[in-house]
C-alpha atoms as a PDB file:
ATOM      1  CA  MET A   1      26.162  64.963 -42.553  1.00  0.00           C
ATOM      2  CA  SER A   2      25.013  66.684 -39.602  1.00  0.00           C
ATOM      3  CA  LYS A   3      21.179  66.638 -39.572  1.00  0.00           C
ATOM      4  CA  LEU A   4      21.399  70.134 -38.891  1.00  0.00           C
ATOM      5  CA  VAL A   5      22.527  71.399 -42.564  1.00  0.00           C
ATOM      6  CA  GLU A   6      20.218  68.895 -43.980  1.00  0.00           C
ATOM      7  CA  THR A   7      17.095  71.080 -42.621  1.00  0.00           C
ATOM      8  CA  ILE A   8      18.239  74.424 -42.317  1.00  0.00           C
ATOM      9  CA  PRO A   9      19.522  76.535 -44.571  1.00  0.00           C
ATOM     10  CA  ALA A  10      23.300  78.066 -44.238  1.00  0.00           C
ATOM     11  CA  ALA A  11      21.805  81.822 -43.962  1.00  0.00           C
ATOM     12  CA  THR A  12      19.122  80.687 -41.313  1.00  0.00           C
ATOM     13  CA  LEU A  13      22.077  79.186 -39.218  1.00  0.00           C
ATOM     14  CA  ARG A  14      24.293  82.192 -39.362  1.00  0.00           C
ATOM     15  CA  GLN A  15      21.112  84.850 -38.851  1.00  0.00           C
ATOM     16  CA  MET A  16      20.440  82.564 -35.716  1.00  0.00           C
ATOM     17  CA  CYS A  17      24.102  83.059 -34.416  1.00  0.00           C
ATOM     18  CA  ALA A  18      24.457  86.813 -35.519  1.00  0.00           C
ATOM     19  CA  ARG A  19      23.053  88.310 -32.441  1.00  0.00           C
ATOM     20  CA  PHE A  20      25.755  86.816 -30.531  1.00  0.00           C
ATOM     21  CA  ALA A  21      28.713  88.392 -32.455  1.00  0.00           C
ATOM     22  CA  ARG A  22      28.869  91.404 -30.444  1.00  0.00           C
ATOM     23  CA  PRO A  23      31.487  91.672 -28.437  1.00  0.00           C
ATOM     24  CA  GLN A  24      30.741  92.948 -24.502  1.00  0.00           C
ATOM     25  CA  TRP A  25      33.681  94.650 -23.294  1.00  0.00           C
ATOM     26  CA  PRO A  26      32.881  94.037 -19.607  1.00  0.00           C
ATOM     27  CA  ARG A  27      33.038  90.236 -20.174  1.00  0.00           C
ATOM     28  CA  ALA A  28      36.061  90.787 -21.957  1.00  0.00           C
ATOM     29  CA  VAL A  29      37.911  92.839 -19.416  1.00  0.00           C
ATOM     30  CA  TRP A  30      36.499  90.217 -16.734  1.00  0.00           C
ATOM     31  CA  GLN A  31      38.207  87.492 -18.666  1.00  0.00           C
ATOM     32  CA  LEU A  32      41.319  89.050 -18.848  1.00  0.00           C
ATOM     33  CA  LEU A  33      41.517  89.800 -15.203  1.00  0.00           C
ATOM     34  CA  ASN A  34      40.533  86.564 -14.291  1.00  0.00           C
ATOM     35  CA  THR A  35      43.016  85.186 -16.522  1.00  0.00           C
ATOM     36  CA  PHE A  36      46.167  87.214 -16.891  1.00  0.00           C
ATOM     37  CA  PRO A  37      47.231  87.652 -13.376  1.00  0.00           C
ATOM     38  CA  ALA A  38      46.468  84.017 -12.205  1.00  0.00           C
ATOM     39  CA  PHE A  39      48.852  82.593 -14.893  1.00  0.00           C
ATOM     40  CA  LEU A  40      51.367  85.441 -13.792  1.00  0.00           C
ATOM     41  CA  LEU A  41      50.972  84.402 -10.218  1.00  0.00           C
ATOM     42  CA  LEU A  42      51.195  80.590 -10.883  1.00  0.00           C
ATOM     43  CA  TRP A  43      54.214  80.940 -12.936  1.00  0.00           C
ATOM     44  CA  ALA A  44      56.151  82.986 -10.253  1.00  0.00           C
ATOM     45  CA  LEU A  45      54.790  80.203  -7.775  1.00  0.00           C
ATOM     46  CA  MET A  46      56.244  77.665 -10.020  1.00  0.00           C
ATOM     47  CA  ALA A  47      59.649  79.489  -9.971  1.00  0.00           C
ATOM     48  CA  LYS A  48      59.661  79.722  -6.451  1.00  0.00           C
ATOM     49  CA  SER A  49      58.506  76.064  -6.129  1.00  0.00           C
ATOM     50  CA  ILE A  50      61.914  74.713  -7.440  1.00  0.00           C
ATOM     51  CA  ASP A  51      63.482  75.271  -4.241  1.00  0.00           C
ATOM     52  CA  TRP A  52      60.921  72.897  -2.721  1.00  0.00           C
ATOM     53  CA  GLY A  53      61.303  70.158  -5.392  1.00  0.00           C
ATOM     54  CA  TYR A  54      60.626  69.972  -8.915  1.00  0.00           C
ATOM     55  CA  GLY A  55      57.419  67.695  -8.220  1.00  0.00           C
ATOM     56  CA  TRP A  56      55.887  70.400  -6.936  1.00  0.00           C
ATOM     57  CA  THR A  57      56.603  72.745  -9.766  1.00  0.00           C
ATOM     58  CA  LEU A  58      55.436  70.218 -12.114  1.00  0.00           C
ATOM     59  CA  LEU A  59      51.986  69.933 -10.329  1.00  0.00           C
ATOM     60  CA  LEU A  60      51.648  73.660 -10.275  1.00  0.00           C
ATOM     61  CA  ALA A  61      52.326  73.468 -14.431  1.00  0.00           C
ATOM     62  CA  LEU A  62      48.900  71.447 -14.634  1.00  0.00           C
ATOM     63  CA  PRO A  63      46.618  74.608 -13.653  1.00  0.00           C
ATOM     64  CA  THR A  64      49.013  76.863 -15.226  1.00  0.00           C
ATOM     65  CA  ALA A  65      49.052  75.276 -18.612  1.00  0.00           C
ATOM     66  CA  GLY A  66      45.439  75.540 -18.622  1.00  0.00           C
ATOM     67  CA  LEU A  67      45.368  79.325 -18.064  1.00  0.00           C
ATOM     68  CA  TYR A  68      47.904  79.277 -20.957  1.00  0.00           C
ATOM     69  CA  VAL A  69      45.424  77.608 -22.955  1.00  0.00           C
ATOM     70  CA  ARG A  70      42.874  80.236 -22.185  1.00  0.00           C
ATOM     71  CA  LEU A  71      45.112  83.072 -22.692  1.00  0.00           C
ATOM     72  CA  PHE A  72      45.667  81.556 -26.524  1.00  0.00           C
ATOM     73  CA  ILE A  73      41.951  81.622 -27.030  1.00  0.00           C
ATOM     74  CA  ILE A  74      41.950  85.389 -26.008  1.00  0.00           C
ATOM     75  CA  GLN A  75      44.432  85.699 -28.558  1.00  0.00           C
ATOM     76  CA  HIS A  76      42.527  83.288 -30.779  1.00  0.00           C
ATOM     77  CA  ASP A  77      39.516  86.010 -30.551  1.00  0.00           C
ATOM     78  CA  CYS A  78      41.547  88.993 -31.138  1.00  0.00           C
ATOM     79  CA  GLY A  79      42.592  87.387 -34.281  1.00  0.00           C
ATOM     80  CA  HIS A  80      39.197  87.228 -35.387  1.00  0.00           C
ATOM     81  CA  GLY A  81      38.155  90.759 -34.439  1.00  0.00           C
ATOM     82  CA  SER A  82      35.615  89.388 -31.649  1.00  0.00           C
ATOM     83  CA  PHE A  83      37.359  89.965 -28.427  1.00  0.00           C
ATOM     84  CA  LEU A  84      36.394  93.492 -28.405  1.00  0.00           C
ATOM     85  CA  SER A  85      34.739  95.845 -30.435  1.00  0.00           C
ATOM     86  CA  SER A  86      37.864  97.798 -31.470  1.00  0.00           C
ATOM     87  CA  LYS A  87      40.290  96.577 -33.866  1.00  0.00           C
ATOM     88  CA  ARG A  88      42.869  98.471 -32.358  1.00  0.00           C
ATOM     89  CA  GLY A  89      42.158  96.885 -29.082  1.00  0.00           C
ATOM     90  CA  ASN A  90      42.144  93.336 -30.500  1.00  0.00           C
ATOM     91  CA  ASP A  91      45.552  93.776 -32.139  1.00  0.00           C
ATOM     92  CA  LEU A  92      47.198  95.107 -29.058  1.00  0.00           C
ATOM     93  CA  ILE A  93      46.019  92.552 -26.723  1.00  0.00           C
ATOM     94  CA  GLY A  94      46.672  89.881 -29.237  1.00  0.00           C
ATOM     95  CA  ALA A  95      50.434  91.110 -29.813  1.00  0.00           C
ATOM     96  CA  VAL A  96      51.038  91.258 -26.093  1.00  0.00           C
ATOM     97  CA  LEU A  97      49.535  87.859 -25.606  1.00  0.00           C
ATOM     98  CA  GLY A  98      51.816  86.328 -28.386  1.00  0.00           C
ATOM     99  CA  LEU A  99      54.708  87.035 -26.574  1.00  0.00           C
ATOM    100  CA  MET A 100      53.427  84.735 -23.741  1.00  0.00           C
ATOM    101  CA  THR A 101      51.933  82.208 -25.851  1.00  0.00           C
ATOM    102  CA  LEU A 102      55.154  82.261 -28.417  1.00  0.00           C
ATOM    103  CA  PHE A 103      52.504  82.513 -31.423  1.00  0.00           C
ATOM    104  CA  PRO A 104      53.559  85.396 -33.697  1.00  0.00           C
ATOM    105  CA  TYR A 105      49.855  87.228 -33.887  1.00  0.00           C
ATOM    106  CA  GLY A 106      49.764  88.525 -37.224  1.00  0.00           C
ATOM    107  CA  TYR A 107      51.178  85.115 -38.786  1.00  0.00           C
ATOM    108  CA  TRP A 108      48.888  82.760 -36.765  1.00  0.00           C
ATOM    109  CA  ARG A 109      45.966  85.111 -37.294  1.00  0.00           C
ATOM    110  CA  LYS A 110      46.569  84.932 -41.394  1.00  0.00           C
ATOM    111  CA  THR A 111      47.166  80.881 -41.447  1.00  0.00           C
ATOM    112  CA  HIS A 112      44.173  80.339 -39.022  1.00  0.00           C
ATOM    113  CA  ASN A 113      41.971  82.467 -41.069  1.00  0.00           C
ATOM    114  CA  ILE A 114      43.034  80.449 -44.227  1.00  0.00           C
ATOM    115  CA  HIS A 115      41.961  77.330 -42.014  1.00  0.00           C
ATOM    116  CA  HIS A 116      38.536  78.844 -41.784  1.00  0.00           C
ATOM    117  CA  GLY A 117      38.264  79.352 -45.292  1.00  0.00           C
ATOM    118  CA  THR A 118      39.722  75.950 -46.259  1.00  0.00           C
ATOM    119  CA  SER A 119      38.355  73.577 -43.627  1.00  0.00           C
ATOM    120  CA  GLY A 120      37.158  70.082 -45.146  1.00  0.00           C
ATOM    121  CA  ASN A 121      38.055  71.246 -48.662  1.00  0.00           C
ATOM    122  CA  LEU A 122      40.310  68.284 -50.323  1.00  0.00           C
ATOM    123  CA  ASP A 123      41.687  70.783 -52.965  1.00  0.00           C
ATOM    124  CA  ARG A 124      42.895  73.401 -50.525  1.00  0.00           C
ATOM    125  CA  ARG A 125      44.438  71.664 -47.877  1.00  0.00           C
ATOM    126  CA  THR A 126      46.892  74.354 -47.277  1.00  0.00           C
ATOM    127  CA  LEU A 127      47.941  76.258 -43.933  1.00  0.00           C
ATOM    128  CA  GLY A 128      46.811  76.083 -40.524  1.00  0.00           C
ATOM    129  CA  ASP A 129      45.413  72.470 -40.906  1.00  0.00           C
ATOM    130  CA  ILE A 130      46.563  68.967 -39.827  1.00  0.00           C
ATOM    131  CA  GLU A 131      47.790  67.071 -42.895  1.00  0.00           C
ATOM    132  CA  THR A 132      45.090  64.622 -43.973  1.00  0.00           C
ATOM    133  CA  LEU A 133      45.625  62.465 -46.666  1.00  0.00           C
ATOM    134  CA  THR A 134      43.175  60.337 -48.486  1.00  0.00           C
ATOM    135  CA  VAL A 135      43.189  56.427 -48.524  1.00  0.00           C
ATOM    136  CA  GLN A 136      44.110  56.842 -52.311  1.00  0.00           C
ATOM    137  CA  GLU A 137      46.869  59.232 -52.035  1.00  0.00           C
ATOM    138  CA  TYR A 138      48.375  57.284 -48.896  1.00  0.00           C
ATOM    139  CA  GLN A 139      48.112  54.034 -51.200  1.00  0.00           C
ATOM    140  CA  SER A 140      49.991  56.057 -54.059  1.00  0.00           C
ATOM    141  CA  ARG A 141      52.847  57.080 -51.685  1.00  0.00           C
ATOM    142  CA  SER A 142      56.084  55.446 -51.785  1.00  0.00           C
ATOM    143  CA  LEU A 143      57.010  53.139 -48.676  1.00  0.00           C
ATOM    144  CA  TRP A 144      58.954  55.685 -47.759  1.00  0.00           C
ATOM    145  CA  GLY A 145      56.206  58.302 -47.768  1.00  0.00           C
ATOM    146  CA  ARG A 146      53.826  56.124 -45.876  1.00  0.00           C
ATOM    147  CA  LEU A 147      56.237  55.509 -42.896  1.00  0.00           C
ATOM    148  CA  LEU A 148      56.620  59.496 -42.778  1.00  0.00           C
ATOM    149  CA  TYR A 149      52.907  59.827 -42.808  1.00  0.00           C
ATOM    150  CA  ARG A 150      52.576  57.465 -40.367  1.00  0.00           C
ATOM    151  CA  LEU A 151      54.999  58.775 -38.049  1.00  0.00           C
ATOM    152  CA  TYR A 152      53.441  62.358 -38.767  1.00  0.00           C
ATOM    153  CA  ARG A 153      50.115  61.097 -37.441  1.00  0.00           C
ATOM    154  CA  SER A 154      51.068  58.822 -34.419  1.00  0.00           C
ATOM    155  CA  THR A 155      50.036  60.260 -31.348  1.00  0.00           C
ATOM    156  CA  PRO A 156      53.372  60.404 -29.339  1.00  0.00           C
ATOM    157  CA  VAL A 157      54.329  62.836 -32.259  1.00  0.00           C
ATOM    158  CA  LEU A 158      51.343  64.727 -32.310  1.00  0.00           C
ATOM    159  CA  LEU A 159      51.233  65.486 -28.603  1.00  0.00           C
ATOM    160  CA  GLY A 160      54.625  65.287 -27.690  1.00  0.00           C
ATOM    161  CA  VAL A 161      56.991  66.198 -30.566  1.00  0.00           C
ATOM    162  CA  GLY A 162      54.299  68.413 -32.381  1.00  0.00           C
ATOM    163  CA  PRO A 163      53.854  71.008 -29.473  1.00  0.00           C
ATOM    164  CA  ALA A 164      57.436  71.304 -29.573  1.00  0.00           C
ATOM    165  CA  TRP A 165      57.934  71.863 -33.101  1.00  0.00           C
ATOM    166  CA  GLN A 166      55.409  74.573 -33.362  1.00  0.00           C
ATOM    167  CA  PHE A 167      56.721  76.376 -30.293  1.00  0.00           C
ATOM    168  CA  LEU A 168      60.379  76.356 -30.884  1.00  0.00           C
ATOM    169  CA  VAL A 169      60.534  76.024 -34.572  1.00  0.00           C
ATOM    170  CA  LYS A 170      57.482  76.237 -36.725  1.00  0.00           C
ATOM    171  CA  HIS A 171      56.402  79.785 -35.313  1.00  0.00           C
ATOM    172  CA  ARG A 172      60.087  81.057 -34.958  1.00  0.00           C
ATOM    173  CA  PHE A 173      60.859  79.960 -38.512  1.00  0.00           C
ATOM    174  CA  PRO A 174      57.770  79.491 -41.071  1.00  0.00           C
ATOM    175  CA  PHE A 175      59.391  78.849 -44.197  1.00  0.00           C
ATOM    176  CA  ASP A 176      56.119  77.512 -45.745  1.00  0.00           C
ATOM    177  CA  LEU A 177      54.742  80.967 -45.547  1.00  0.00           C
ATOM    178  CA  PRO A 178      54.948  82.731 -49.024  1.00  0.00           C
ATOM    179  CA  TRP A 179      57.421  85.670 -48.689  1.00  0.00           C
ATOM    180  CA  SER A 180      54.814  87.819 -50.331  1.00  0.00           C
ATOM    181  CA  PHE A 181      53.022  87.766 -46.970  1.00  0.00           C
ATOM    182  CA  ARG A 182      55.391  90.749 -45.604  1.00  0.00           C
ATOM    183  CA  ARG A 183      53.199  91.799 -42.462  1.00  0.00           C
ATOM    184  CA  GLU A 184      52.683  87.993 -41.340  1.00  0.00           C
ATOM    185  CA  TRP A 185      56.888  87.915 -42.030  1.00  0.00           C
ATOM    186  CA  MET A 186      57.095  90.916 -39.776  1.00  0.00           C
ATOM    187  CA  SER A 187      55.025  89.631 -37.312  1.00  0.00           C
ATOM    188  CA  VAL A 188      57.348  86.719 -36.854  1.00  0.00           C
ATOM    189  CA  LEU A 189      60.387  88.424 -36.900  1.00  0.00           C
ATOM    190  CA  LEU A 190      59.240  90.824 -34.187  1.00  0.00           C
ATOM    191  CA  ASN A 191      57.949  88.189 -31.893  1.00  0.00           C
ATOM    192  CA  ASN A 192      61.219  86.653 -32.142  1.00  0.00           C
ATOM    193  CA  LEU A 193      63.005  89.829 -31.582  1.00  0.00           C
ATOM    194  CA  MET A 194      60.760  90.520 -28.178  1.00  0.00           C
ATOM    195  CA  LEU A 195      61.076  87.132 -27.130  1.00  0.00           C
ATOM    196  CA  VAL A 196      64.961  87.233 -27.195  1.00  0.00           C
ATOM    197  CA  SER A 197      64.869  90.428 -25.231  1.00  0.00           C
ATOM    198  CA  VAL A 198      62.181  89.322 -22.677  1.00  0.00           C
ATOM    199  CA  GLY A 199      64.096  85.712 -22.283  1.00  0.00           C
ATOM    200  CA  ALA A 200      67.285  87.597 -21.725  1.00  0.00           C
ATOM    201  CA  ALA A 201      66.137  89.922 -19.140  1.00  0.00           C
ATOM    202  CA  MET A 202      64.121  86.964 -17.339  1.00  0.00           C
ATOM    203  CA  ALA A 203      67.469  84.760 -17.648  1.00  0.00           C
ATOM    204  CA  TRP A 204      69.417  87.620 -15.940  1.00  0.00           C
ATOM    205  CA  TRP A 205      66.899  88.074 -13.331  1.00  0.00           C
ATOM    206  CA  ILE A 206      65.875  84.588 -12.096  1.00  0.00           C
ATOM    207  CA  GLY A 207      68.512  82.378 -14.243  1.00  0.00           C
ATOM    208  CA  TRP A 208      67.758  80.644 -17.301  1.00  0.00           C
ATOM    209  CA  GLN A 209      67.610  77.399 -15.932  1.00  0.00           C
ATOM    210  CA  THR A 210      64.690  78.624 -13.841  1.00  0.00           C
ATOM    211  CA  VAL A 211      62.883  80.206 -16.820  1.00  0.00           C
ATOM    212  CA  LEU A 212      63.524  76.543 -18.834  1.00  0.00           C
ATOM    213  CA  LEU A 213      62.362  74.691 -15.708  1.00  0.00           C
ATOM    214  CA  VAL A 214      59.071  76.551 -15.365  1.00  0.00           C
ATOM    215  CA  HIS A 215      58.086  77.373 -18.941  1.00  0.00           C
ATOM    216  CA  LEU A 216      58.769  74.227 -20.823  1.00  0.00           C
ATOM    217  CA  PRO A 217      56.277  71.947 -19.079  1.00  0.00           C
ATOM    218  CA  ILE A 218      54.006  74.681 -19.553  1.00  0.00           C
ATOM    219  CA  LEU A 219      54.527  74.764 -22.942  1.00  0.00           C
ATOM    220  CA  LEU A 220      54.435  71.046 -23.565  1.00  0.00           C
ATOM    221  CA  LEU A 221      51.339  70.430 -21.423  1.00  0.00           C
ATOM    222  CA  ALA A 222      49.178  73.405 -23.104  1.00  0.00           C
ATOM    223  CA  GLY A 223      50.743  72.459 -26.373  1.00  0.00           C
ATOM    224  CA  ALA A 224      49.442  68.805 -26.204  1.00  0.00           C
ATOM    225  CA  LEU A 225      46.147  69.969 -25.070  1.00  0.00           C
ATOM    226  CA  GLY A 226      45.823  72.492 -27.725  1.00  0.00           C
ATOM    227  CA  VAL A 227      46.778  70.016 -30.252  1.00  0.00           C
ATOM    228  CA  TRP A 228      44.187  67.212 -28.811  1.00  0.00           C
ATOM    229  CA  LEU A 229      41.495  69.912 -29.006  1.00  0.00           C
ATOM    230  CA  PHE A 230      42.101  70.911 -32.611  1.00  0.00           C
ATOM    231  CA  TYR A 231      42.793  67.308 -33.500  1.00  0.00           C
ATOM    232  CA  CYS A 232      39.446  66.181 -32.271  1.00  0.00           C
ATOM    233  CA  GLN A 233      37.353  69.209 -33.367  1.00  0.00           C
ATOM    234  CA  HIS A 234      38.254  68.049 -37.003  1.00  0.00           C
ATOM    235  CA  GLN A 235      39.300  64.477 -36.698  1.00  0.00           C
ATOM    236  CA  PHE A 236      36.312  62.532 -36.117  1.00  0.00           C
ATOM    237  CA  GLU A 237      34.984  59.498 -38.077  1.00  0.00           C
ATOM    238  CA  GLY A 238      31.878  61.632 -39.437  1.00  0.00           C
ATOM    239  CA  ALA A 239      33.803  64.706 -40.641  1.00  0.00           C
ATOM    240  CA  TYR A 240      33.597  66.588 -43.801  1.00  0.00           C
ATOM    241  CA  TRP A 241      35.832  66.342 -46.473  1.00  0.00           C
ATOM    242  CA  THR A 242      35.096  67.113 -50.086  1.00  0.00           C
ATOM    243  CA  ARG A 243      36.267  68.222 -53.244  1.00  0.00           C
ATOM    244  CA  ASP A 244      36.230  72.175 -53.945  1.00  0.00           C
ATOM    245  CA  ALA A 245      33.092  71.908 -56.542  1.00  0.00           C
ATOM    246  CA  ASP A 246      30.889  70.439 -53.912  1.00  0.00           C
ATOM    247  CA  TRP A 247      32.496  72.206 -51.012  1.00  0.00           C
ATOM    248  CA  ASP A 248      30.026  74.364 -48.584  1.00  0.00           C
ATOM    249  CA  SER A 249      31.340  76.709 -45.889  1.00  0.00           C
ATOM    250  CA  ALA A 250      28.143  75.913 -43.845  1.00  0.00           C
ATOM    251  CA  GLN A 251      28.298  72.077 -44.049  1.00  0.00           C
ATOM    252  CA  ALA A 252      32.027  72.625 -43.501  1.00  0.00           C
ATOM    253  CA  ALA A 253      31.427  74.299 -39.993  1.00  0.00           C
ATOM    254  CA  VAL A 254      28.603  72.239 -38.771  1.00  0.00           C
ATOM    255  CA  SER A 255      29.521  68.637 -40.551  1.00  0.00           C
ATOM    256  CA  GLY A 256      33.207  69.255 -40.149  1.00  0.00           C
ATOM    257  CA  SER A 257      33.486  70.495 -36.828  1.00  0.00           C
ATOM    258  CA  SER A 258      32.633  68.945 -33.392  1.00  0.00           C
ATOM    259  CA  PHE A 259      31.048  69.747 -30.532  1.00  0.00           C
ATOM    260  CA  PHE A 260      33.408  68.495 -27.662  1.00  0.00           C
ATOM    261  CA  ASP A 261      31.247  68.394 -24.737  1.00  0.00           C
ATOM    262  CA  LEU A 262      33.689  68.792 -21.908  1.00  0.00           C
ATOM    263  CA  PRO A 263      33.025  69.110 -18.270  1.00  0.00           C
ATOM    264  CA  ARG A 264      32.472  72.772 -17.211  1.00  0.00           C
ATOM    265  CA  VAL A 265      35.675  73.639 -15.607  1.00  0.00           C
ATOM    266  CA  LEU A 266      37.266  72.357 -18.676  1.00  0.00           C
ATOM    267  CA  HIS A 267      35.027  74.549 -21.197  1.00  0.00           C
ATOM    268  CA  TRP A 268      36.400  77.556 -18.760  1.00  0.00           C
ATOM    269  CA  PHE A 269      40.103  76.764 -19.149  1.00  0.00           C
ATOM    270  CA  THR A 270      39.808  76.268 -22.933  1.00  0.00           C
ATOM    271  CA  GLY A 271      37.639  79.276 -23.385  1.00  0.00           C
ATOM    272  CA  ASN A 272      34.694  77.586 -24.715  1.00  0.00           C
ATOM    273  CA  ILE A 273      36.481  76.284 -27.893  1.00  0.00           C
ATOM    274  CA  GLY A 274      34.707  72.913 -27.720  1.00  0.00           C
ATOM    275  CA  TYR A 275      31.472  74.752 -29.233  1.00  0.00           C
ATOM    276  CA  HIS A 276      33.585  74.534 -32.525  1.00  0.00           C
ATOM    277  CA  HIS A 277      30.664  74.313 -34.778  1.00  0.00           C
ATOM    278  CA  ILE A 278      29.574  77.558 -33.746  1.00  0.00           C
ATOM    279  CA  HIS A 279      32.628  79.202 -33.730  1.00  0.00           C
ATOM    280  CA  HIS A 280      33.059  77.947 -37.266  1.00  0.00           C
ATOM    281  CA  LEU A 281      29.653  79.327 -38.422  1.00  0.00           C
ATOM    282  CA  ALA A 282      30.150  82.568 -36.916  1.00  0.00           C
ATOM    283  CA  SER A 283      33.628  83.077 -36.050  1.00  0.00           C
ATOM    284  CA  ARG A 284      33.179  86.698 -34.880  1.00  0.00           C
ATOM    285  CA  ILE A 285      31.091  85.278 -31.749  1.00  0.00           C
ATOM    286  CA  PRO A 286      33.444  85.909 -28.790  1.00  0.00           C
ATOM    287  CA  ASN A 287      34.513  82.743 -26.979  1.00  0.00           C
ATOM    288  CA  TYR A 288      32.478  84.108 -23.899  1.00  0.00           C
ATOM    289  CA  ARG A 289      29.367  84.048 -25.739  1.00  0.00           C
ATOM    290  CA  LEU A 290      29.545  80.583 -27.784  1.00  0.00           C
ATOM    291  CA  ARG A 291      27.906  78.576 -24.752  1.00  0.00           C
ATOM    292  CA  GLU A 292      25.158  81.305 -24.470  1.00  0.00           C
ATOM    293  CA  CYS A 293      24.565  80.866 -28.454  1.00  0.00           C
ATOM    294  CA  PHE A 294      24.898  77.244 -28.167  1.00  0.00           C
ATOM    295  CA  GLU A 295      21.847  77.005 -25.586  1.00  0.00           C
ATOM    296  CA  SER A 296      19.832  79.563 -27.515  1.00  0.00           C
ATOM    297  CA  SER A 297      18.262  77.016 -29.933  1.00  0.00           C
ATOM    298  CA  PRO A 298      17.983  73.300 -29.997  1.00  0.00           C
ATOM    299  CA  LEU A 299      18.892  73.357 -33.282  1.00  0.00           C
ATOM    300  CA  LEU A 300      22.375  74.516 -32.767  1.00  0.00           C
ATOM    301  CA  GLN A 301      22.976  71.415 -30.739  1.00  0.00           C
ATOM    302  CA  LYS A 302      22.638  68.997 -33.297  1.00  0.00           C
ATOM    303  CA  ALA A 303      26.414  69.026 -34.549  1.00  0.00           C
ATOM    304  CA  PRO A 304      28.374  65.680 -34.258  1.00  0.00           C
ATOM    305  CA  ARG A 305      29.179  65.577 -30.576  1.00  0.00           C
ATOM    306  CA  ILE A 306      32.117  64.023 -28.783  1.00  0.00           C
ATOM    307  CA  THR A 307      32.942  63.768 -25.157  1.00  0.00           C
ATOM    308  CA  LEU A 308      36.300  63.127 -23.162  1.00  0.00           C
ATOM    309  CA  TRP A 309      35.529  59.401 -23.268  1.00  0.00           C
ATOM    310  CA  SER A 310      34.619  58.935 -26.880  1.00  0.00           C
ATOM    311  CA  SER A 311      37.447  61.431 -28.132  1.00  0.00           C
ATOM    312  CA  TRP A 312      40.234  59.016 -27.556  1.00  0.00           C
ATOM    313  CA  ARG A 313      38.621  56.825 -30.496  1.00  0.00           C
ATOM    314  CA  CYS A 314      39.736  59.665 -32.737  1.00  0.00           C
ATOM    315  CA  ALA A 315      43.384  58.762 -32.244  1.00  0.00           C
ATOM    316  CA  ARG A 316      43.031  55.774 -34.526  1.00  0.00           C
ATOM    317  CA  LEU A 317      41.507  57.849 -37.367  1.00  0.00           C
ATOM    318  CA  LYS A 318      44.307  58.788 -40.101  1.00  0.00           C
ATOM    319  CA  LEU A 319      42.892  58.673 -43.348  1.00  0.00           C
ATOM    320  CA  TRP A 320      39.921  60.328 -45.404  1.00  0.00           C
ATOM    321  CA  ASP A 321      38.016  57.494 -47.205  1.00  0.00           C
ATOM    322  CA  GLU A 322      36.343  59.238 -50.055  1.00  0.00           C
ATOM    323  CA  GLN A 323      34.352  56.233 -51.559  1.00  0.00           C
ATOM    324  CA  GLY A 324      32.906  55.754 -47.591  1.00  0.00           C
ATOM    325  CA  GLN A 325      32.830  59.350 -46.609  1.00  0.00           C
ATOM    326  CA  ARG A 326      34.280  58.728 -43.200  1.00  0.00           C
ATOM    327  CA  MET A 327      37.690  59.179 -41.389  1.00  0.00           C
ATOM    328  CA  VAL A 328      39.539  55.708 -40.921  1.00  0.00           C
ATOM    329  CA  GLY A 329      42.793  53.991 -39.932  1.00  0.00           C
ATOM    330  CA  PHE A 330      45.484  53.020 -41.947  1.00  0.00           C
ATOM    331  CA  PRO A 331      44.605  50.252 -44.341  1.00  0.00           C
ATOM    332  CA  LYS A 332      45.534  47.282 -42.476  1.00  0.00           C
ATOM    333  CA  ARG A 333      43.066  48.081 -39.646  1.00  0.00           C
ATOM    334  CA  ARG A 334      40.327  49.233 -41.602  1.00  0.00           C
ATOM    335  CA  ARG A 335      37.378  47.531 -42.986  1.00  0.00           C
ATOM    336  CA  LEU A 336      36.542  48.369 -46.905  1.00  0.00           C
ATOM    337  CA  ALA A 337      32.986  47.668 -46.497  1.00  0.00           C
ATOM    338  CA  ALA A 338      30.241  50.355 -45.888  1.00  0.00           C
ATOM    339  CA  PRO A 339      29.415  50.547 -41.896  1.00  0.00           C
END
């Protein structure tokens, strides 16, 4: 468990963050201006570069995918009502960005807020999370069930198949979403309709082959980066998982969310989402103020820290060991003795 939660009451932690949970519209507008036009420009340059050789297109896909992730974080903030003070402004920007990110705004907002309210709760593993089994649950599965889980948790599937599934299937036809969530279903249907309309117009204008050759590598690269960020922010060795009776939101935020200590340029492209424990403590803090909050007190800097290098060790973690209170690998690779 994080030393921060052991020594500072949850109310105090949130009070320390409260003054940063106020949007600043000049910074929000500037963030849109330094991201949205640059993404469109690079996208157009990628389309033009196909005539020069597809290698140039793929090279340009790297910074374009980074801007895509940054746009998604802006949409993410809108879903939390933190990007702007205006709810209408947040919803409008979020819905428009949903056409570019392929994530229906209303549907994603609902499932992500469920994630915030259940993260680390073993009895409420529902929408918006990477499926995580306990060691006992894994061992109680059939051979076929264990093989399917191993496939699902493999790095190639998480970073390769996973993003394609999310963009092309899961967020187009979210059949795990209850039918009673009518607004969220309407969000999906409207997003799909607009995507078909915009896609058809772009295919008529520049050709469907160009649209696919440009946008597909952006989606796959940005999707892999997004999945890896989300994975490392909650799937590290000393993460927080407990049963509902003992679950605490502050402990889940600080002990169950990592500080992904990235180079400055990557913090920029990822919208400061690496300060994830701060985000889970106070989701109304806009991304452009997360670092400011983090640096405001040494007490807010004591969350589990992960670097680019150490993050690769998270890939081997597949199961939650309830007895040892830690993430572990599959049984044949793990030690049952306490560390």
